[in-house]
Protein backbone atom coordinates (compact mmCIF):
# COMPACT_ATOMS: atom_id res chain seq x y z
CA MET A 1 -152.68 20.87 -55.98
CA ARG A 2 -154.55 24.03 -55.07
CA ILE A 3 -153.73 27.27 -56.83
CA GLY A 4 -154.20 30.56 -55.05
CA ALA A 5 -153.13 34.17 -55.14
CA GLY A 6 -150.83 36.04 -52.81
CA THR A 7 -150.29 39.70 -52.10
CA VAL A 8 -153.98 40.41 -52.66
CA LEU A 9 -154.20 44.00 -51.48
CA ASN A 10 -157.76 45.06 -52.28
CA LEU A 11 -161.18 44.03 -53.55
CA LYS A 12 -160.29 44.60 -57.21
CA MET A 13 -157.34 42.22 -56.94
CA ALA A 14 -159.47 39.67 -55.07
CA LYS A 15 -162.10 39.70 -57.81
CA GLU A 16 -159.46 39.33 -60.53
CA ALA A 17 -157.79 36.44 -58.71
CA ILE A 18 -161.02 34.55 -58.08
CA HIS A 19 -162.19 35.17 -61.64
CA ALA A 20 -158.87 33.68 -62.82
CA GLY A 21 -159.51 30.56 -60.71
CA ALA A 22 -157.75 31.22 -57.41
CA GLU A 23 -158.91 28.77 -54.76
CA TYR A 24 -157.52 30.83 -51.88
CA LEU A 25 -156.26 34.35 -51.24
CA ILE A 26 -153.41 35.49 -49.02
CA SER A 27 -152.83 39.15 -48.20
CA PRO A 28 -150.17 41.17 -46.41
CA ASN A 29 -152.97 43.24 -44.85
CA LEU A 30 -156.42 42.88 -43.32
CA ASP A 31 -158.88 44.25 -45.86
CA GLU A 32 -162.36 43.43 -44.61
CA GLU A 33 -163.87 43.75 -48.11
CA VAL A 34 -161.42 41.16 -49.47
CA LEU A 35 -162.22 38.79 -46.63
CA ALA A 36 -165.99 39.19 -47.02
CA TYR A 37 -165.85 38.78 -50.79
CA GLY A 38 -163.67 35.69 -50.60
CA LEU A 39 -165.98 34.06 -48.09
CA GLU A 40 -169.04 34.94 -50.22
CA GLN A 41 -167.35 33.20 -53.17
CA GLY A 42 -166.41 30.13 -51.12
CA VAL A 43 -162.71 30.99 -51.30
CA GLU A 44 -160.50 30.80 -48.25
CA VAL A 45 -158.78 34.06 -47.28
CA TRP A 46 -155.80 34.34 -44.95
CA PRO A 47 -155.40 38.05 -44.28
CA GLY A 48 -152.18 39.64 -43.17
CA THR A 49 -152.06 40.64 -39.53
CA LEU A 50 -149.47 41.79 -37.07
CA THR A 51 -151.10 42.69 -33.77
CA PRO A 52 -153.32 40.57 -31.54
CA THR A 53 -156.17 42.99 -32.32
CA GLU A 54 -155.83 42.39 -36.07
CA ILE A 55 -155.47 38.63 -35.58
CA VAL A 56 -158.65 38.39 -33.50
CA ARG A 57 -160.57 40.75 -35.81
CA ALA A 58 -159.70 38.70 -38.90
CA TYR A 59 -160.66 35.45 -37.18
CA GLU A 60 -163.96 36.88 -35.92
CA LEU A 61 -164.77 38.04 -39.47
CA GLY A 62 -164.41 34.46 -40.74
CA ALA A 63 -160.77 33.88 -41.63
CA SER A 64 -159.91 30.25 -40.91
CA ALA A 65 -156.27 31.27 -40.39
CA VAL A 66 -154.23 34.45 -40.45
CA LYS A 67 -150.89 35.41 -41.90
CA VAL A 68 -148.58 37.09 -39.39
CA PHE A 69 -146.31 39.40 -41.36
CA PRO A 70 -143.45 40.33 -41.24
CA ILE A 71 -142.21 37.82 -38.70
CA GLY A 72 -138.53 38.42 -39.46
CA SER A 73 -138.74 41.94 -38.05
CA LEU A 74 -140.41 40.82 -34.84
CA GLY A 75 -138.53 37.64 -34.14
CA ILE A 76 -139.85 34.12 -34.05
CA LYS A 77 -140.58 34.26 -30.31
CA TYR A 78 -143.39 36.72 -31.11
CA ILE A 79 -145.54 33.85 -32.42
CA LYS A 80 -144.98 31.84 -29.26
CA ASP A 81 -145.88 34.85 -27.13
CA ILE A 82 -149.16 35.69 -28.88
CA ARG A 83 -150.18 32.04 -29.24
CA GLY A 84 -150.59 31.98 -25.44
CA PRO A 85 -153.91 33.84 -25.38
CA LEU A 86 -154.71 33.21 -29.06
CA ASN A 87 -153.92 29.51 -29.34
CA HIS A 88 -157.29 28.81 -30.99
CA ILE A 89 -156.37 30.85 -34.10
CA PRO A 90 -154.18 29.12 -36.72
CA MET A 91 -151.25 31.34 -37.71
CA MET A 92 -149.06 31.23 -40.80
CA VAL A 93 -145.91 33.34 -40.83
CA THR A 94 -144.08 35.05 -43.66
CA GLY A 95 -141.48 37.70 -44.16
CA GLY A 96 -138.00 36.73 -43.11
CA VAL A 97 -138.48 33.00 -42.63
CA ASN A 98 -135.24 31.12 -43.16
CA LEU A 99 -133.57 27.85 -42.21
CA ASP A 100 -132.15 29.36 -39.03
CA LYS A 101 -135.51 30.20 -37.54
CA GLU A 102 -137.54 27.72 -35.48
CA VAL A 103 -140.89 28.95 -36.80
CA LEU A 104 -142.87 25.74 -36.62
CA GLY A 105 -141.51 24.97 -33.16
CA ASN A 106 -142.90 28.26 -31.87
CA GLY A 107 -146.51 27.77 -32.89
CA ALA A 108 -146.91 28.60 -36.57
CA PHE A 109 -148.74 25.89 -38.49
CA ALA A 110 -147.41 27.04 -41.87
CA VAL A 111 -144.77 29.30 -43.36
CA GLY A 112 -144.63 31.29 -46.54
CA LEU A 113 -141.35 31.54 -48.39
CA GLY A 114 -140.37 33.94 -51.11
CA GLY A 115 -137.10 35.78 -51.22
CA ASN A 116 -135.36 33.37 -48.85
CA LEU A 117 -136.16 30.47 -51.18
CA VAL A 118 -135.35 32.11 -54.50
CA ASN A 119 -132.86 34.67 -53.30
CA ASN A 120 -130.27 36.34 -55.49
CA GLY A 121 -132.41 36.04 -58.61
CA LEU A 122 -132.12 32.25 -58.82
CA ILE A 123 -135.10 31.97 -61.15
CA HIS A 124 -133.77 34.69 -63.42
CA LYS A 125 -130.38 32.94 -63.49
CA GLY A 126 -132.04 29.60 -64.23
CA ASN A 127 -130.46 28.05 -61.15
CA PHE A 128 -133.29 25.63 -60.51
CA GLU A 129 -131.03 23.03 -58.91
CA GLN A 130 -130.17 25.40 -56.06
CA ILE A 131 -133.86 26.25 -55.61
CA THR A 132 -134.62 22.52 -55.49
CA GLN A 133 -131.91 21.98 -52.86
CA MET A 134 -133.17 24.88 -50.72
CA ALA A 135 -136.77 23.64 -51.01
CA ALA A 136 -135.63 20.17 -49.93
CA ALA A 137 -133.86 21.67 -46.89
CA TYR A 138 -136.99 23.61 -45.89
CA THR A 139 -139.14 20.48 -46.39
CA LYS A 140 -136.79 18.40 -44.26
CA LEU A 141 -136.90 21.00 -41.48
CA ALA A 142 -140.70 21.18 -41.62
CA LYS A 143 -141.07 17.40 -41.53
CA SER A 144 -138.71 17.13 -38.56
CA LYS A 145 -140.77 19.71 -36.67
CA CYS A 146 -144.06 18.01 -37.52
CA LEU A 147 -142.78 14.62 -36.41
CA ALA A 148 -141.43 16.10 -33.18
CA ASP A 149 -144.81 17.61 -32.25
């Protein structure tokens, strides 16, 4: 298991996360200082991007992959469309991913789940069985997409 940090917004947060042992950083934004610092420390950084310009910029600065966020607002077809000219850049998607969306079938190599996995305060309510069932459903969908490709 690798432990990382998400929602890393700035250099201060990146330093704190790496000092605490994070092995990777994921951001909702492209902060060039965070990316440079992570790479200097030997820590993978997947910066948040939205436009083709941001995606290419992050990749050229050394990101091995980018996070396209928020995909739910744009629609899943957006990934398929931008993968055409940018197929060489691995893209993870977050923000609005759910079981109804064919994310992996449209070119994303990974998805990030948050609210759609633990919606309605399931952790707070202690409803771990429902979280387990939802995680199993997402895993099944991901495996079916990977086997189909």
